[in-house]
């Protein structure tokens, strides 16, 4: 299992951390941000295919910021998969 930590930009969350094992996401945690929504995202993606999750969440916008915590998660996953 590989652990990743990512510092998002342009959003309220300050850090995103997760593990990838066999191409699947585990132990996703956000520091900061809208905790109710981010905890829900963490539960929904647990054990799911990382690339598929990144493709689903990429481009999600929050209040016209051009990004969101979900979009930043997608960026983090894509970077981790390189």
C-alpha atoms as a PDB file:
ATOM      1  CA  UNK A   1       0.000   0.000   0.000  1.00  0.00           C
ATOM      2  CA  UNK A   2       1.351   3.427  -0.978  1.00  0.00           C
ATOM      3  CA  UNK A   3       0.473   6.532   1.043  1.00  0.00           C
ATOM      4  CA  UNK A   4      -0.018   9.916  -0.623  1.00  0.00           C
ATOM      5  CA  UNK A   5      -0.423  13.419   0.767  1.00  0.00           C
ATOM      6  CA  UNK A   6      -1.519  16.366  -1.379  1.00  0.00           C
ATOM      7  CA  UNK A   7      -1.830  20.080  -0.676  1.00  0.00           C
ATOM      8  CA  UNK A   8      -4.866  21.376  -2.588  1.00  0.00           C
ATOM      9  CA  UNK A   9      -5.077  24.889  -4.031  1.00  0.00           C
ATOM     10  CA  UNK A  10      -8.042  27.212  -4.440  1.00  0.00           C
ATOM     11  CA  UNK A  11     -10.273  25.356  -1.961  1.00  0.00           C
ATOM     12  CA  UNK A  12     -11.060  25.324   1.752  1.00  0.00           C
ATOM     13  CA  UNK A  13      -9.425  21.981   2.520  1.00  0.00           C
ATOM     14  CA  UNK A  14      -5.758  22.196   3.471  1.00  0.00           C
ATOM     15  CA  UNK A  15      -4.614  18.622   2.935  1.00  0.00           C
ATOM     16  CA  UNK A  16      -5.801  15.431   1.253  1.00  0.00           C
ATOM     17  CA  UNK A  17      -4.253  12.084   2.187  1.00  0.00           C
ATOM     18  CA  UNK A  18      -5.044   8.590   0.984  1.00  0.00           C
ATOM     19  CA  UNK A  19      -3.585   5.177   0.268  1.00  0.00           C
ATOM     20  CA  UNK A  20      -3.611   3.301  -3.018  1.00  0.00           C
ATOM     21  CA  UNK A  21      -3.366  -0.466  -3.118  1.00  0.00           C
ATOM     22  CA  UNK A  22      -3.902  -2.481  -6.289  1.00  0.00           C
ATOM     23  CA  UNK A  23      -5.277   0.645  -7.989  1.00  0.00           C
ATOM     24  CA  UNK A  24      -7.936   1.209  -5.318  1.00  0.00           C
ATOM     25  CA  UNK A  25      -8.348   4.081  -2.838  1.00  0.00           C
ATOM     26  CA  UNK A  26      -8.295   3.546   0.917  1.00  0.00           C
ATOM     27  CA  UNK A  27      -8.157   5.741   4.043  1.00  0.00           C
ATOM     28  CA  UNK A  28      -9.083   9.014   2.315  1.00  0.00           C
ATOM     29  CA  UNK A  29      -8.917  11.959   4.710  1.00  0.00           C
ATOM     30  CA  UNK A  30      -9.397  15.689   4.200  1.00  0.00           C
ATOM     31  CA  UNK A  31      -8.120  18.347   6.599  1.00  0.00           C
ATOM     32  CA  UNK A  32     -10.386  21.400   6.535  1.00  0.00           C
ATOM     33  CA  UNK A  33     -13.238  22.059   4.148  1.00  0.00           C
ATOM     34  CA  UNK A  34     -16.907  21.077   4.426  1.00  0.00           C
ATOM     35  CA  UNK A  35     -16.444  18.053   6.651  1.00  0.00           C
ATOM     36  CA  UNK A  36     -19.912  16.559   6.213  1.00  0.00           C
ATOM     37  CA  UNK A  37     -19.539  16.422   2.435  1.00  0.00           C
ATOM     38  CA  UNK A  38     -15.891  15.406   2.512  1.00  0.00           C
ATOM     39  CA  UNK A  39     -16.521  12.593   4.999  1.00  0.00           C
ATOM     40  CA  UNK A  40     -19.295  11.364   2.687  1.00  0.00           C
ATOM     41  CA  UNK A  41     -16.913  11.409  -0.296  1.00  0.00           C
ATOM     42  CA  UNK A  42     -14.360   9.469   1.763  1.00  0.00           C
ATOM     43  CA  UNK A  43     -16.918   6.769   2.540  1.00  0.00           C
ATOM     44  CA  UNK A  44     -18.156   6.598  -1.057  1.00  0.00           C
ATOM     45  CA  UNK A  45     -14.702   6.119  -2.614  1.00  0.00           C
ATOM     46  CA  UNK A  46     -13.324   3.600  -0.089  1.00  0.00           C
ATOM     47  CA  UNK A  47     -12.102   0.526  -1.967  1.00  0.00           C
ATOM     48  CA  UNK A  48     -13.078   1.936  -5.376  1.00  0.00           C
ATOM     49  CA  UNK A  49     -10.906   2.152  -8.486  1.00  0.00           C
ATOM     50  CA  UNK A  50      -8.713   5.255  -8.175  1.00  0.00           C
ATOM     51  CA  UNK A  51      -8.650   6.131 -11.884  1.00  0.00           C
ATOM     52  CA  UNK A  52     -12.428   5.824 -12.172  1.00  0.00           C
ATOM     53  CA  UNK A  53     -12.925   8.094  -9.145  1.00  0.00           C
ATOM     54  CA  UNK A  54     -10.528  10.682 -10.613  1.00  0.00           C
ATOM     55  CA  UNK A  55     -12.405  10.707 -13.925  1.00  0.00           C
ATOM     56  CA  UNK A  56     -15.768  11.124 -12.172  1.00  0.00           C
ATOM     57  CA  UNK A  57     -14.638  13.971  -9.894  1.00  0.00           C
ATOM     58  CA  UNK A  58     -12.323  15.860 -12.256  1.00  0.00           C
ATOM     59  CA  UNK A  59     -13.707  19.269 -13.210  1.00  0.00           C
ATOM     60  CA  UNK A  60     -16.250  19.483 -10.386  1.00  0.00           C
ATOM     61  CA  UNK A  61     -16.637  23.188  -9.520  1.00  0.00           C
ATOM     62  CA  UNK A  62     -17.412  24.858  -6.184  1.00  0.00           C
ATOM     63  CA  UNK A  63     -18.997  28.305  -6.289  1.00  0.00           C
ATOM     64  CA  UNK A  64     -17.322  29.363  -9.516  1.00  0.00           C
ATOM     65  CA  UNK A  65     -13.793  28.777  -8.188  1.00  0.00           C
ATOM     66  CA  UNK A  66     -12.855  26.650 -11.181  1.00  0.00           C
ATOM     67  CA  UNK A  67     -12.081  23.787  -8.817  1.00  0.00           C
ATOM     68  CA  UNK A  68     -13.439  22.090  -5.694  1.00  0.00           C
ATOM     69  CA  UNK A  69     -12.246  19.710  -3.015  1.00  0.00           C
ATOM     70  CA  UNK A  70     -13.520  16.862  -5.194  1.00  0.00           C
ATOM     71  CA  UNK A  71     -11.646  18.221  -8.222  1.00  0.00           C
ATOM     72  CA  UNK A  72      -8.510  18.610  -6.106  1.00  0.00           C
ATOM     73  CA  UNK A  73      -8.907  14.989  -5.005  1.00  0.00           C
ATOM     74  CA  UNK A  74      -9.042  14.003  -8.680  1.00  0.00           C
ATOM     75  CA  UNK A  75      -5.834  15.972  -9.293  1.00  0.00           C
ATOM     76  CA  UNK A  76      -4.182  14.282  -6.306  1.00  0.00           C
ATOM     77  CA  UNK A  77      -5.175  10.818  -7.529  1.00  0.00           C
ATOM     78  CA  UNK A  78      -3.960  11.471 -11.074  1.00  0.00           C
ATOM     79  CA  UNK A  79      -0.636  12.718  -9.707  1.00  0.00           C
ATOM     80  CA  UNK A  80      -0.336   9.650  -7.464  1.00  0.00           C
ATOM     81  CA  UNK A  81      -1.023   7.310 -10.380  1.00  0.00           C
ATOM     82  CA  UNK A  82       1.826   8.717 -12.529  1.00  0.00           C
END
